[in-house]
Amino acid sequence: MTLTGITPILRIFDEKKAKQFYVEFLEFTLDWEHRFEPGMPLYMQISRDEIVLHLSEHHGDCSPGAALRIAVSGVEDLQKTLIGKNYPYARPGIERTPWETKECTVTDPFGNKLIFFE
């Protein structure tokens, strides 16, 4: 047996806010969307480079408030790009940790934390 990957599922509550944050602000690509029928909760996949995330409005899929650590080369460049977008709900900084990483943390509109680290 070999483990070959992981796809985190993050809880969302508002399609427009999710797309504004993940697609416009963080520059993920919307890969696909699924609803069992019109008016049902949205389930979608987004990706950027090698990172794939699933976002779900389905109540039983997961709880809000998750934290993901995402390795990145060029975390300071990422942070400068994000600050330059003037997104009204996040102004992330760079933190130098005691374990000798540089981290840029952003929290989505649903309480999920993405920690980009180098």
PDB file of N, CA and C in Angstrom:
ATOM      1  N   MET A   1       0.840  -1.186   0.000  1.00  0.00           N
ATOM      2  CA  MET A   1       0.000   0.000   0.000  1.00  0.00           C
ATOM      3  C   MET A   1       0.882   1.246   0.000  1.00  0.00           C
ATOM      4  N   THR A   2       0.465   2.253  -0.758  1.00  0.00           N
ATOM      5  CA  THR A   2       1.162   3.532  -0.819  1.00  0.00           C
ATOM      6  C   THR A   2       0.146   4.657  -0.756  1.00  0.00           C
ATOM      7  N   LEU A   3       0.356   5.599   0.137  1.00  0.00           N
ATOM      8  CA  LEU A   3      -0.481   6.799   0.188  1.00  0.00           C
ATOM      9  C   LEU A   3       0.031   7.765  -0.870  1.00  0.00           C
ATOM     10  N   THR A   4      -0.880   8.324  -1.659  1.00  0.00           N
ATOM     11  CA  THR A   4      -0.422   9.118  -2.801  1.00  0.00           C
ATOM     12  C   THR A   4      -0.886  10.570  -2.806  1.00  0.00           C
ATOM     13  N   GLY A   5      -1.649  10.997  -1.850  1.00  0.00           N
ATOM     14  CA  GLY A   5      -2.068  12.399  -1.844  1.00  0.00           C
ATOM     15  C   GLY A   5      -3.160  12.641  -0.823  1.00  0.00           C
ATOM     16  N   ILE A   6      -3.508  13.889  -0.690  1.00  0.00           N
ATOM     17  CA  ILE A   6      -4.553  14.284   0.239  1.00  0.00           C
ATOM     18  C   ILE A   6      -5.331  15.454  -0.374  1.00  0.00           C
ATOM     19  N   THR A   7      -6.635  15.474  -0.173  1.00  0.00           N
ATOM     20  CA  THR A   7      -7.465  16.583  -0.621  1.00  0.00           C
ATOM     21  C   THR A   7      -8.303  17.063   0.562  1.00  0.00           C
ATOM     22  N   PRO A   8      -7.877  18.137   1.225  1.00  0.00           N
ATOM     23  CA  PRO A   8      -8.662  18.671   2.338  1.00  0.00           C
ATOM     24  C   PRO A   8     -10.008  19.212   1.852  1.00  0.00           C
ATOM     25  N   ILE A   9     -11.018  19.070   2.702  1.00  0.00           N
ATOM     26  CA  ILE A   9     -12.338  19.645   2.446  1.00  0.00           C
ATOM     27  C   ILE A   9     -12.553  20.745   3.471  1.00  0.00           C
ATOM     28  N   LEU A  10     -12.866  21.941   3.009  1.00  0.00           N
ATOM     29  CA  LEU A  10     -13.126  23.072   3.884  1.00  0.00           C
ATOM     30  C   LEU A  10     -14.594  23.466   3.785  1.00  0.00           C
ATOM     31  N   ARG A  11     -15.184  23.785   4.914  1.00  0.00           N
ATOM     32  CA  ARG A  11     -16.586  24.178   4.966  1.00  0.00           C
ATOM     33  C   ARG A  11     -16.722  25.624   4.547  1.00  0.00           C
ATOM     34  N   ILE A  12     -17.694  25.887   3.680  1.00  0.00           N
ATOM     35  CA  ILE A  12     -18.029  27.247   3.258  1.00  0.00           C
ATOM     36  C   ILE A  12     -19.523  27.455   3.445  1.00  0.00           C
ATOM     37  N   PHE A  13     -19.937  28.714   3.486  1.00  0.00           N
ATOM     38  CA  PHE A  13     -21.349  29.032   3.692  1.00  0.00           C
ATOM     39  C   PHE A  13     -21.921  29.954   2.635  1.00  0.00           C
ATOM     40  N   ASP A  14     -21.076  30.510   1.780  1.00  0.00           N
ATOM     41  CA  ASP A  14     -21.536  31.500   0.814  1.00  0.00           C
ATOM     42  C   ASP A  14     -20.675  31.379  -0.441  1.00  0.00           C
ATOM     43  N   GLU A  15     -21.288  30.975  -1.532  1.00  0.00           N
ATOM     44  CA  GLU A  15     -20.563  30.750  -2.789  1.00  0.00           C
ATOM     45  C   GLU A  15     -19.831  32.005  -3.264  1.00  0.00           C
ATOM     46  N   LYS A  16     -20.501  33.154  -3.234  1.00  0.00           N
ATOM     47  CA  LYS A  16     -19.897  34.390  -3.719  1.00  0.00           C
ATOM     48  C   LYS A  16     -18.667  34.760  -2.892  1.00  0.00           C
ATOM     49  N   LYS A  17     -18.778  34.687  -1.571  1.00  0.00           N
ATOM     50  CA  LYS A  17     -17.649  35.016  -0.704  1.00  0.00           C
ATOM     51  C   LYS A  17     -16.508  34.019  -0.880  1.00  0.00           C
ATOM     52  N   ALA A  18     -16.843  32.746  -1.055  1.00  0.00           N
ATOM     53  CA  ALA A  18     -15.811  31.724  -1.255  1.00  0.00           C
ATOM     54  C   ALA A  18     -15.029  31.995  -2.534  1.00  0.00           C
ATOM     55  N   LYS A  19     -15.727  32.297  -3.607  1.00  0.00           N
ATOM     56  CA  LYS A  19     -15.046  32.566  -4.878  1.00  0.00           C
ATOM     57  C   LYS A  19     -14.238  33.862  -4.812  1.00  0.00           C
ATOM     58  N   GLN A  20     -14.770  34.865  -4.139  1.00  0.00           N
ATOM     59  CA  GLN A  20     -14.034  36.117  -3.993  1.00  0.00           C
ATOM     60  C   GLN A  20     -12.720  35.871  -3.245  1.00  0.00           C
ATOM     61  N   PHE A  21     -12.772  35.077  -2.183  1.00  0.00           N
ATOM     62  CA  PHE A  21     -11.578  34.820  -1.380  1.00  0.00           C
ATOM     63  C   PHE A  21     -10.598  33.884  -2.085  1.00  0.00           C
ATOM     64  N   TYR A  22     -11.084  32.715  -2.493  1.00  0.00           N
ATOM     65  CA  TYR A  22     -10.171  31.689  -3.016  1.00  0.00           C
ATOM     66  C   TYR A  22      -9.747  31.935  -4.465  1.00  0.00           C
ATOM     67  N   VAL A  23     -10.657  32.377  -5.309  1.00  0.00           N
ATOM     68  CA  VAL A  23     -10.340  32.548  -6.727  1.00  0.00           C
ATOM     69  C   VAL A  23      -9.751  33.938  -7.000  1.00  0.00           C
ATOM     70  N   GLU A  24     -10.416  34.980  -6.517  1.00  0.00           N
ATOM     71  CA  GLU A  24      -9.939  36.333  -6.801  1.00  0.00           C
ATOM     72  C   GLU A  24      -8.748  36.725  -5.928  1.00  0.00           C
ATOM     73  N   PHE A  25      -8.856  36.525  -4.617  1.00  0.00           N
ATOM     74  CA  PHE A  25      -7.808  36.974  -3.705  1.00  0.00           C
ATOM     75  C   PHE A  25      -6.600  36.032  -3.704  1.00  0.00           C
ATOM     76  N   LEU A  26      -6.823  34.734  -3.504  1.00  0.00           N
ATOM     77  CA  LEU A  26      -5.697  33.792  -3.419  1.00  0.00           C
ATOM     78  C   LEU A  26      -5.277  33.224  -4.771  1.00  0.00           C
ATOM     79  N   GLU A  27      -6.021  33.513  -5.816  1.00  0.00           N
ATOM     80  CA  GLU A  27      -5.692  33.113  -7.189  1.00  0.00           C
ATOM     81  C   GLU A  27      -5.698  31.603  -7.416  1.00  0.00           C
ATOM     82  N   PHE A  28      -6.591  30.903  -6.735  1.00  0.00           N
ATOM     83  CA  PHE A  28      -6.834  29.502  -7.061  1.00  0.00           C
ATOM     84  C   PHE A  28      -7.688  29.462  -8.321  1.00  0.00           C
ATOM     85  N   THR A  29      -7.621  28.364  -9.034  1.00  0.00           N
ATOM     86  CA  THR A  29      -8.450  28.137 -10.218  1.00  0.00           C
ATOM     87  C   THR A  29      -9.661  27.314  -9.808  1.00  0.00           C
ATOM     88  N   LEU A  30     -10.826  27.697 -10.274  1.00  0.00           N
ATOM     89  CA  LEU A  30     -12.024  26.894 -10.052  1.00  0.00           C
ATOM     90  C   LEU A  30     -12.011  25.756 -11.065  1.00  0.00           C
ATOM     91  N   ASP A  31     -11.832  24.526 -10.586  1.00  0.00           N
ATOM     92  CA  ASP A  31     -11.730  23.361 -11.464  1.00  0.00           C
ATOM     93  C   ASP A  31     -13.097  22.821 -11.860  1.00  0.00           C
ATOM     94  N   TRP A  32     -13.986  22.684 -10.886  1.00  0.00           N
ATOM     95  CA  TRP A  32     -15.329  22.205 -11.167  1.00  0.00           C
ATOM     96  C   TRP A  32     -16.243  22.491  -9.983  1.00  0.00           C
ATOM     97  N   GLU A  33     -17.559  22.456 -10.269  1.00  0.00           N
ATOM     98  CA  GLU A  33     -18.608  22.646  -9.267  1.00  0.00           C
ATOM     99  C   GLU A  33     -19.626  21.525  -9.400  1.00  0.00           C
ATOM    100  N   HIS A  34     -20.260  21.167  -8.280  1.00  0.00           N
ATOM    101  CA  HIS A  34     -21.302  20.142  -8.327  1.00  0.00           C
ATOM    102  C   HIS A  34     -22.418  20.488  -7.349  1.00  0.00           C
ATOM    103  N   ARG A  35     -23.640  20.332  -7.807  1.00  0.00           N
ATOM    104  CA  ARG A  35     -24.852  20.382  -6.973  1.00  0.00           C
ATOM    105  C   ARG A  35     -25.704  19.205  -7.408  1.00  0.00           C
ATOM    106  N   PHE A  36     -26.318  18.545  -6.459  1.00  0.00           N
ATOM    107  CA  PHE A  36     -27.189  17.428  -6.817  1.00  0.00           C
ATOM    108  C   PHE A  36     -28.384  17.894  -7.629  1.00  0.00           C
ATOM    109  N   GLU A  37     -28.830  19.118  -7.370  1.00  0.00           N
ATOM    110  CA  GLU A  37     -29.896  19.752  -8.151  1.00  0.00           C
ATOM    111  C   GLU A  37     -29.908  21.230  -7.786  1.00  0.00           C
ATOM    112  N   PRO A  38     -30.564  22.066  -8.586  1.00  0.00           N
ATOM    113  CA  PRO A  38     -30.596  23.502  -8.283  1.00  0.00           C
ATOM    114  C   PRO A  38     -31.109  23.754  -6.871  1.00  0.00           C
ATOM    115  N   GLY A  39     -30.477  24.705  -6.203  1.00  0.00           N
ATOM    116  CA  GLY A  39     -30.877  25.045  -4.845  1.00  0.00           C
ATOM    117  C   GLY A  39     -30.220  24.199  -3.776  1.00  0.00           C
ATOM    118  N   MET A  40     -29.511  23.154  -4.168  1.00  0.00           N
ATOM    119  CA  MET A  40     -28.820  22.296  -3.203  1.00  0.00           C
ATOM    120  C   MET A  40     -27.444  22.894  -2.894  1.00  0.00           C
ATOM    121  N   PRO A  41     -26.814  22.438  -1.795  1.00  0.00           N
ATOM    122  CA  PRO A  41     -25.490  22.964  -1.441  1.00  0.00           C
ATOM    123  C   PRO A  41     -24.449  22.712  -2.537  1.00  0.00           C
ATOM    124  N   LEU A  42     -23.495  23.621  -2.607  1.00  0.00           N
ATOM    125  CA  LEU A  42     -22.416  23.564  -3.585  1.00  0.00           C
ATOM    126  C   LEU A  42     -21.244  22.749  -3.039  1.00  0.00           C
ATOM    127  N   TYR A  43     -20.627  21.987  -3.922  1.00  0.00           N
ATOM    128  CA  TYR A  43     -19.367  21.293  -3.642  1.00  0.00           C
ATOM    129  C   TYR A  43     -18.466  21.613  -4.823  1.00  0.00           C
ATOM    130  N   MET A  44     -17.255  22.118  -4.572  1.00  0.00           N
ATOM    131  CA  MET A  44     -16.397  22.494  -5.690  1.00  0.00           C
ATOM    132  C   MET A  44     -14.940  22.176  -5.398  1.00  0.00           C
ATOM    133  N   GLN A  45     -14.191  22.086  -6.477  1.00  0.00           N
ATOM    134  CA  GLN A  45     -12.746  21.884  -6.366  1.00  0.00           C
ATOM    135  C   GLN A  45     -12.029  23.101  -6.909  1.00  0.00           C
ATOM    136  N   ILE A  46     -10.999  23.535  -6.155  1.00  0.00           N
ATOM    137  CA  ILE A  46     -10.128  24.606  -6.590  1.00  0.00           C
ATOM    138  C   ILE A  46      -8.693  24.103  -6.523  1.00  0.00           C
ATOM    139  N   SER A  47      -7.814  24.736  -7.298  1.00  0.00           N
ATOM    140  CA  SER A  47      -6.412  24.328  -7.263  1.00  0.00           C
ATOM    141  C   SER A  47      -5.517  25.506  -7.600  1.00  0.00           C
ATOM    142  N   ARG A  48      -4.300  25.390  -7.136  1.00  0.00           N
ATOM    143  CA  ARG A  48      -3.243  26.338  -7.493  1.00  0.00           C
ATOM    144  C   ARG A  48      -1.931  25.578  -7.395  1.00  0.00           C
ATOM    145  N   ASP A  49      -1.219  25.535  -8.497  1.00  0.00           N
ATOM    146  CA  ASP A  49       0.021  24.759  -8.585  1.00  0.00           C
ATOM    147  C   ASP A  49      -0.284  23.316  -8.170  1.00  0.00           C
ATOM    148  N   GLU A  50       0.360  22.805  -7.143  1.00  0.00           N
ATOM    149  CA  GLU A  50       0.148  21.409  -6.739  1.00  0.00           C
ATOM    150  C   GLU A  50      -0.895  21.247  -5.637  1.00  0.00           C
ATOM    151  N   ILE A  51      -1.502  22.349  -5.202  1.00  0.00           N
ATOM    152  CA  ILE A  51      -2.457  22.308  -4.091  1.00  0.00           C
ATOM    153  C   ILE A  51      -3.874  22.169  -4.637  1.00  0.00           C
ATOM    154  N   VAL A  52      -4.594  21.169  -4.145  1.00  0.00           N
ATOM    155  CA  VAL A  52      -5.996  20.935  -4.516  1.00  0.00           C
ATOM    156  C   VAL A  52      -6.820  20.968  -3.238  1.00  0.00           C
ATOM    157  N   LEU A  53      -7.881  21.764  -3.244  1.00  0.00           N
ATOM    158  CA  LEU A  53      -8.799  21.857  -2.114  1.00  0.00           C
ATOM    159  C   LEU A  53     -10.222  21.627  -2.592  1.00  0.00           C
ATOM    160  N   HIS A  54     -11.020  21.027  -1.730  1.00  0.00           N
ATOM    161  CA  HIS A  54     -12.454  20.933  -1.968  1.00  0.00           C
ATOM    162  C   HIS A  54     -13.138  21.874  -0.984  1.00  0.00           C
ATOM    163  N   LEU A  55     -14.136  22.593  -1.478  1.00  0.00           N
ATOM    164  CA  LEU A  55     -14.926  23.514  -0.664  1.00  0.00           C
ATOM    165  C   LEU A  55     -16.364  23.022  -0.688  1.00  0.00           C
ATOM    166  N   SER A  56     -16.975  22.929   0.490  1.00  0.00           N
ATOM    167  CA  SER A  56     -18.300  22.327   0.573  1.00  0.00           C
ATOM    168  C   SER A  56     -19.257  23.146   1.424  1.00  0.00           C
ATOM    169  N   GLU A  57     -20.474  23.322   0.882  1.00  0.00           N
ATOM    170  CA  GLU A  57     -21.565  23.908   1.660  1.00  0.00           C
ATOM    171  C   GLU A  57     -22.363  22.824   2.398  1.00  0.00           C
ATOM    172  N   HIS A  58     -22.047  21.567   2.169  1.00  0.00           N
ATOM    173  CA  HIS A  58     -22.781  20.455   2.792  1.00  0.00           C
ATOM    174  C   HIS A  58     -22.498  20.398   4.288  1.00  0.00           C
ATOM    175  N   HIS A  59     -23.550  20.380   5.078  1.00  0.00           N
ATOM    176  CA  HIS A  59     -23.454  20.422   6.538  1.00  0.00           C
ATOM    177  C   HIS A  59     -22.592  19.300   7.112  1.00  0.00           C
ATOM    178  N   GLY A  60     -22.740  18.096   6.660  1.00  0.00           N
ATOM    179  CA  GLY A  60     -22.056  16.960   7.271  1.00  0.00           C
ATOM    180  C   GLY A  60     -20.640  16.704   6.783  1.00  0.00           C
ATOM    181  N   ASP A  61     -20.157  17.466   5.812  1.00  0.00           N
ATOM    182  CA  ASP A  61     -18.831  17.182   5.247  1.00  0.00           C
ATOM    183  C   ASP A  61     -17.684  17.537   6.186  1.00  0.00           C
ATOM    184  N   CYS A  62     -17.791  18.631   6.891  1.00  0.00           N
ATOM    185  CA  CYS A  62     -16.709  19.079   7.757  1.00  0.00           C
ATOM    186  C   CYS A  62     -17.202  20.254   8.585  1.00  0.00           C
ATOM    187  N   SER A  63     -16.375  20.695   9.506  1.00  0.00           N
ATOM    188  CA  SER A  63     -16.717  21.826  10.362  1.00  0.00           C
ATOM    189  C   SER A  63     -15.866  23.028   9.996  1.00  0.00           C
ATOM    190  N   PRO A  64     -16.408  24.222  10.146  1.00  0.00           N
ATOM    191  CA  PRO A  64     -15.577  25.408   9.912  1.00  0.00           C
ATOM    192  C   PRO A  64     -14.504  25.509  10.985  1.00  0.00           C
ATOM    193  N   GLY A  65     -13.474  26.262  10.693  1.00  0.00           N
ATOM    194  CA  GLY A  65     -12.427  26.482  11.677  1.00  0.00           C
ATOM    195  C   GLY A  65     -11.213  25.588  11.493  1.00  0.00           C
ATOM    196  N   ALA A  66     -11.069  24.971  10.333  1.00  0.00           N
ATOM    197  CA  ALA A  66      -9.908  24.128  10.049  1.00  0.00           C
ATOM    198  C   ALA A  66      -8.676  25.007   9.854  1.00  0.00           C
ATOM    199  N   ALA A  67      -7.505  24.390   9.949  1.00  0.00           N
ATOM    200  CA  ALA A  67      -6.249  25.070   9.662  1.00  0.00           C
ATOM    201  C   ALA A  67      -5.432  24.185   8.740  1.00  0.00           C
ATOM    202  N   LEU A  68      -4.921  24.776   7.663  1.00  0.00           N
ATOM    203  CA  LEU A  68      -4.081  24.062   6.710  1.00  0.00           C
ATOM    204  C   LEU A  68      -2.724  24.738   6.662  1.00  0.00           C
ATOM    205  N   ARG A  69      -1.673  23.950   6.625  1.00  0.00           N
ATOM    206  CA  ARG A  69      -0.318  24.471   6.404  1.00  0.00           C
ATOM    207  C   ARG A  69       0.060  24.140   4.973  1.00  0.00           C
ATOM    208  N   ILE A  70       0.405  25.165   4.209  1.00  0.00           N
ATOM    209  CA  ILE A  70       0.720  25.001   2.795  1.00  0.00           C
ATOM    210  C   ILE A  70       2.142  25.496   2.559  1.00  0.00           C
ATOM    211  N   ALA A  71       3.024  24.580   2.157  1.00  0.00           N
ATOM    212  CA  ALA A  71       4.405  24.956   1.864  1.00  0.00           C
ATOM    213  C   ALA A  71       4.442  25.781   0.586  1.00  0.00           C
ATOM    214  N   VAL A  72       5.260  26.830   0.600  1.00  0.00           N
ATOM    215  CA  VAL A  72       5.374  27.724  -0.548  1.00  0.00           C
ATOM    216  C   VAL A  72       6.821  28.197  -0.652  1.00  0.00           C
ATOM    217  N   SER A  73       7.289  28.324  -1.863  1.00  0.00           N
ATOM    218  CA  SER A  73       8.575  28.996  -2.055  1.00  0.00           C
ATOM    219  C   SER A  73       8.258  30.437  -2.442  1.00  0.00           C
ATOM    220  N   GLY A  74       8.845  31.375  -1.739  1.00  0.00           N
ATOM    221  CA  GLY A  74       8.551  32.780  -2.010  1.00  0.00           C
ATOM    222  C   GLY A  74       7.390  33.303  -1.193  1.00  0.00           C
ATOM    223  N   VAL A  75       7.336  32.981   0.085  1.00  0.00           N
ATOM    224  CA  VAL A  75       6.212  33.407   0.921  1.00  0.00           C
ATOM    225  C   VAL A  75       6.147  34.932   1.027  1.00  0.00           C
ATOM    226  N   GLU A  76       7.290  35.605   1.013  1.00  0.00           N
ATOM    227  CA  GLU A  76       7.262  37.066   1.076  1.00  0.00           C
ATOM    228  C   GLU A  76       6.666  37.664  -0.200  1.00  0.00           C
ATOM    229  N   ASP A  77       6.953  37.059  -1.346  1.00  0.00           N
ATOM    230  CA  ASP A  77       6.345  37.509  -2.604  1.00  0.00           C
ATOM    231  C   ASP A  77       4.835  37.297  -2.574  1.00  0.00           C
ATOM    232  N   LEU A  78       4.399  36.156  -2.059  1.00  0.00           N
ATOM    233  CA  LEU A  78       2.965  35.875  -1.933  1.00  0.00           C
ATOM    234  C   LEU A  78       2.308  36.940  -1.062  1.00  0.00           C
ATOM    235  N   GLN A  79       2.908  37.230   0.081  1.00  0.00           N
ATOM    236  CA  GLN A  79       2.344  38.209   1.007  1.00  0.00           C
ATOM    237  C   GLN A  79       2.240  39.589   0.354  1.00  0.00           C
ATOM    238  N   LYS A  80       3.265  39.999  -0.380  1.00  0.00           N
ATOM    239  CA  LYS A  80       3.238  41.303  -1.057  1.00  0.00           C
ATOM    240  C   LYS A  80       2.133  41.344  -2.114  1.00  0.00           C
ATOM    241  N   THR A  81       1.965  40.244  -2.837  1.00  0.00           N
ATOM    242  CA  THR A  81       0.898  40.173  -3.838  1.00  0.00           C
ATOM    243  C   THR A  81      -0.468  40.308  -3.176  1.00  0.00           C
ATOM    244  N   LEU A  82      -0.662  39.595  -2.067  1.00  0.00           N
ATOM    245  CA  LEU A  82      -1.951  39.655  -1.370  1.00  0.00           C
ATOM    246  C   LEU A  82      -2.229  41.046  -0.829  1.00  0.00           C
ATOM    247  N   ILE A  83      -1.231  41.677  -0.231  1.00  0.00           N
ATOM    248  CA  ILE A  83      -1.412  43.036   0.293  1.00  0.00           C
ATOM    249  C   ILE A  83      -1.764  43.999  -0.844  1.00  0.00           C
ATOM    250  N   GLY A  84      -1.143  43.807  -1.993  1.00  0.00           N
ATOM    251  CA  GLY A  84      -1.385  44.678  -3.141  1.00  0.00           C
ATOM    252  C   GLY A  84      -2.781  44.583  -3.721  1.00  0.00           C
ATOM    253  N   LYS A  85      -3.510  43.543  -3.383  1.00  0.00           N
ATOM    254  CA  LYS A  85      -4.871  43.375  -3.906  1.00  0.00           C
ATOM    255  C   LYS A  85      -5.891  44.217  -3.145  1.00  0.00           C
ATOM    256  N   ASN A  86      -5.505  44.753  -1.993  1.00  0.00           N
ATOM    257  CA  ASN A  86      -6.409  45.562  -1.168  1.00  0.00           C
ATOM    258  C   ASN A  86      -7.724  44.840  -0.865  1.00  0.00           C
ATOM    259  N   TYR A  87      -7.644  43.544  -0.599  1.00  0.00           N
ATOM    260  CA  TYR A  87      -8.819  42.767  -0.191  1.00  0.00           C
ATOM    261  C   TYR A  87      -9.288  43.328   1.152  1.00  0.00           C
ATOM    262  N   PRO A  88     -10.548  43.721   1.270  1.00  0.00           N
ATOM    263  CA  PRO A  88     -10.975  44.450   2.466  1.00  0.00           C
ATOM    264  C   PRO A  88     -10.992  43.628   3.759  1.00  0.00           C
ATOM    265  N   TYR A  89     -10.923  42.308   3.674  1.00  0.00           N
ATOM    266  CA  TYR A  89     -11.099  41.483   4.868  1.00  0.00           C
ATOM    267  C   TYR A  89      -9.822  40.789   5.334  1.00  0.00           C
ATOM    268  N   ALA A  90      -8.686  41.067   4.698  1.00  0.00           N
ATOM    269  CA  ALA A  90      -7.434  40.441   5.130  1.00  0.00           C
ATOM    270  C   ALA A  90      -6.256  41.304   4.716  1.00  0.00           C
ATOM    271  N   ARG A  91      -5.364  41.527   5.652  1.00  0.00           N
ATOM    272  CA  ARG A  91      -4.115  42.241   5.409  1.00  0.00           C
ATOM    273  C   ARG A  91      -3.006  41.405   6.043  1.00  0.00           C
ATOM    274  N   PRO A  92      -2.680  40.254   5.445  1.00  0.00           N
ATOM    275  CA  PRO A  92      -1.750  39.333   6.093  1.00  0.00           C
ATOM    276  C   PRO A  92      -0.326  39.875   6.169  1.00  0.00           C
ATOM    277  N   GLY A  93       0.328  39.512   7.246  1.00  0.00           N
ATOM    278  CA  GLY A  93       1.721  39.874   7.436  1.00  0.00           C
ATOM    279  C   GLY A  93       2.600  38.636   7.324  1.00  0.00           C
ATOM    280  N   ILE A  94       3.854  38.807   7.673  1.00  0.00           N
ATOM    281  CA  ILE A  94       4.815  37.702   7.712  1.00  0.00           C
ATOM    282  C   ILE A  94       5.234  37.521   9.167  1.00  0.00           C
ATOM    283  N   GLU A  95       5.194  36.295   9.622  1.00  0.00           N
ATOM    284  CA  GLU A  95       5.644  35.969  10.975  1.00  0.00           C
ATOM    285  C   GLU A  95       6.868  35.063  10.879  1.00  0.00           C
ATOM    286  N   ARG A  96       7.879  35.378  11.637  1.00  0.00           N
ATOM    287  CA  ARG A  96       9.047  34.504  11.764  1.00  0.00           C
ATOM    288  C   ARG A  96       8.843  33.700  13.040  1.00  0.00           C
ATOM    289  N   THR A  97       8.788  32.389  12.899  1.00  0.00           N
ATOM    290  CA  THR A  97       8.447  31.526  14.023  1.00  0.00           C
ATOM    291  C   THR A  97       9.687  31.054  14.782  1.00  0.00           C
ATOM    292  N   PRO A  98       9.497  30.608  16.031  1.00  0.00           N
ATOM    293  CA  PRO A  98      10.614  30.043  16.797  1.00  0.00           C
ATOM    294  C   PRO A  98      11.191  28.774  16.153  1.00  0.00           C
ATOM    295  N   TRP A  99      10.409  28.093  15.305  1.00  0.00           N
ATOM    296  CA  TRP A  99      10.893  26.885  14.627  1.00  0.00           C
ATOM    297  C   TRP A  99      11.491  27.217  13.261  1.00  0.00           C
ATOM    298  N   GLU A 100      11.796  28.522  13.080  1.00  0.00           N
ATOM    299  CA  GLU A 100      12.566  29.026  11.947  1.00  0.00           C
ATOM    300  C   GLU A 100      11.870  28.887  10.591  1.00  0.00           C
ATOM    301  N   THR A 101      10.586  29.213  10.569  1.00  0.00           N
ATOM    302  CA  THR A 101       9.877  29.336   9.298  1.00  0.00           C
ATOM    303  C   THR A 101       9.378  30.774   9.180  1.00  0.00           C
ATOM    304  N   LYS A 102       9.091  31.173   7.956  1.00  0.00           N
ATOM    305  CA  LYS A 102       8.393  32.425   7.691  1.00  0.00           C
ATOM    306  C   LYS A 102       6.981  32.033   7.289  1.00  0.00           C
ATOM    307  N   GLU A 103       5.976  32.655   7.899  1.00  0.00           N
ATOM    308  CA  GLU A 103       4.592  32.261   7.668  1.00  0.00           C
ATOM    309  C   GLU A 103       3.716  33.466   7.372  1.00  0.00           C
ATOM    310  N   CYS A 104       2.794  33.250   6.448  1.00  0.00           N
ATOM    311  CA  CYS A 104       1.780  34.237   6.084  1.00  0.00           C
ATOM    312  C   CYS A 104       0.425  33.548   6.262  1.00  0.00           C
ATOM    313  N   THR A 105      -0.335  33.998   7.240  1.00  0.00           N
ATOM    314  CA  THR A 105      -1.607  33.361   7.569  1.00  0.00           C
ATOM    315  C   THR A 105      -2.772  34.217   7.100  1.00  0.00           C
ATOM    316  N   VAL A 106      -3.719  33.571   6.424  1.00  0.00           N
ATOM    317  CA  VAL A 106      -4.961  34.235   6.037  1.00  0.00           C
ATOM    318  C   VAL A 106      -6.124  33.369   6.513  1.00  0.00           C
ATOM    319  N   THR A 107      -7.179  34.023   6.917  1.00  0.00           N
ATOM    320  CA  THR A 107      -8.378  33.325   7.374  1.00  0.00           C
ATOM    321  C   THR A 107      -9.497  33.619   6.398  1.00  0.00           C
ATOM    322  N   ASP A 108     -10.145  32.561   5.916  1.00  0.00           N
ATOM    323  CA  ASP A 108     -11.233  32.754   4.955  1.00  0.00           C
ATOM    324  C   ASP A 108     -12.484  33.281   5.653  1.00  0.00           C
ATOM    325  N   PRO A 109     -13.510  33.676   4.905  1.00  0.00           N
ATOM    326  CA  PRO A 109     -14.719  34.237   5.512  1.00  0.00           C
ATOM    327  C   PRO A 109     -15.496  33.254   6.390  1.00  0.00           C
ATOM    328  N   PHE A 110     -15.064  32.006   6.450  1.00  0.00           N
ATOM    329  CA  PHE A 110     -15.794  30.967   7.177  1.00  0.00           C
ATOM    330  C   PHE A 110     -15.014  30.458   8.381  1.00  0.00           C
ATOM    331  N   GLY A 111     -13.897  31.102   8.698  1.00  0.00           N
ATOM    332  CA  GLY A 111     -13.108  30.737   9.868  1.00  0.00           C
ATOM    333  C   GLY A 111     -12.012  29.729   9.622  1.00  0.00           C
ATOM    334  N   ASN A 112     -11.809  29.303   8.373  1.00  0.00           N
ATOM    335  CA  ASN A 112     -10.735  28.372   8.046  1.00  0.00           C
ATOM    336  C   ASN A 112      -9.441  29.161   7.866  1.00  0.00           C
ATOM    337  N   LYS A 113      -8.351  28.637   8.426  1.00  0.00           N
ATOM    338  CA  LYS A 113      -7.059  29.327   8.395  1.00  0.00           C
ATOM    339  C   LYS A 113      -6.127  28.625   7.423  1.00  0.00           C
ATOM    340  N   LEU A 114      -5.529  29.385   6.501  1.00  0.00           N
ATOM    341  CA  LEU A 114      -4.518  28.874   5.594  1.00  0.00           C
ATOM    342  C   LEU A 114      -3.192  29.513   5.975  1.00  0.00           C
ATOM    343  N   ILE A 115      -2.237  28.673   6.346  1.00  0.00           N
ATOM    344  CA  ILE A 115      -0.926  29.135   6.793  1.00  0.00           C
ATOM    345  C   ILE A 115       0.074  28.776   5.699  1.00  0.00           C
ATOM    346  N   PHE A 116       0.507  29.773   4.952  1.00  0.00           N
ATOM    347  CA  PHE A 116       1.507  29.582   3.914  1.00  0.00           C
ATOM    348  C   PHE A 116       2.872  29.737   4.582  1.00  0.00           C
ATOM    349  N   PHE A 117       3.729  28.727   4.440  1.00  0.00           N
ATOM    350  CA  PHE A 117       4.999  28.779   5.154  1.00  0.00           C
ATOM    351  C   PHE A 117       6.166  28.412   4.246  1.00  0.00           C
ATOM    352  N   GLU A 118       7.328  28.943   4.641  1.00  0.00           N
ATOM    353  CA  GLU A 118       8.573  28.655   3.936  1.00  0.00           C
ATOM    354  C   GLU A 118       9.639  28.390   4.975  1.00  0.00           C
TER     355      GLU A 118
END
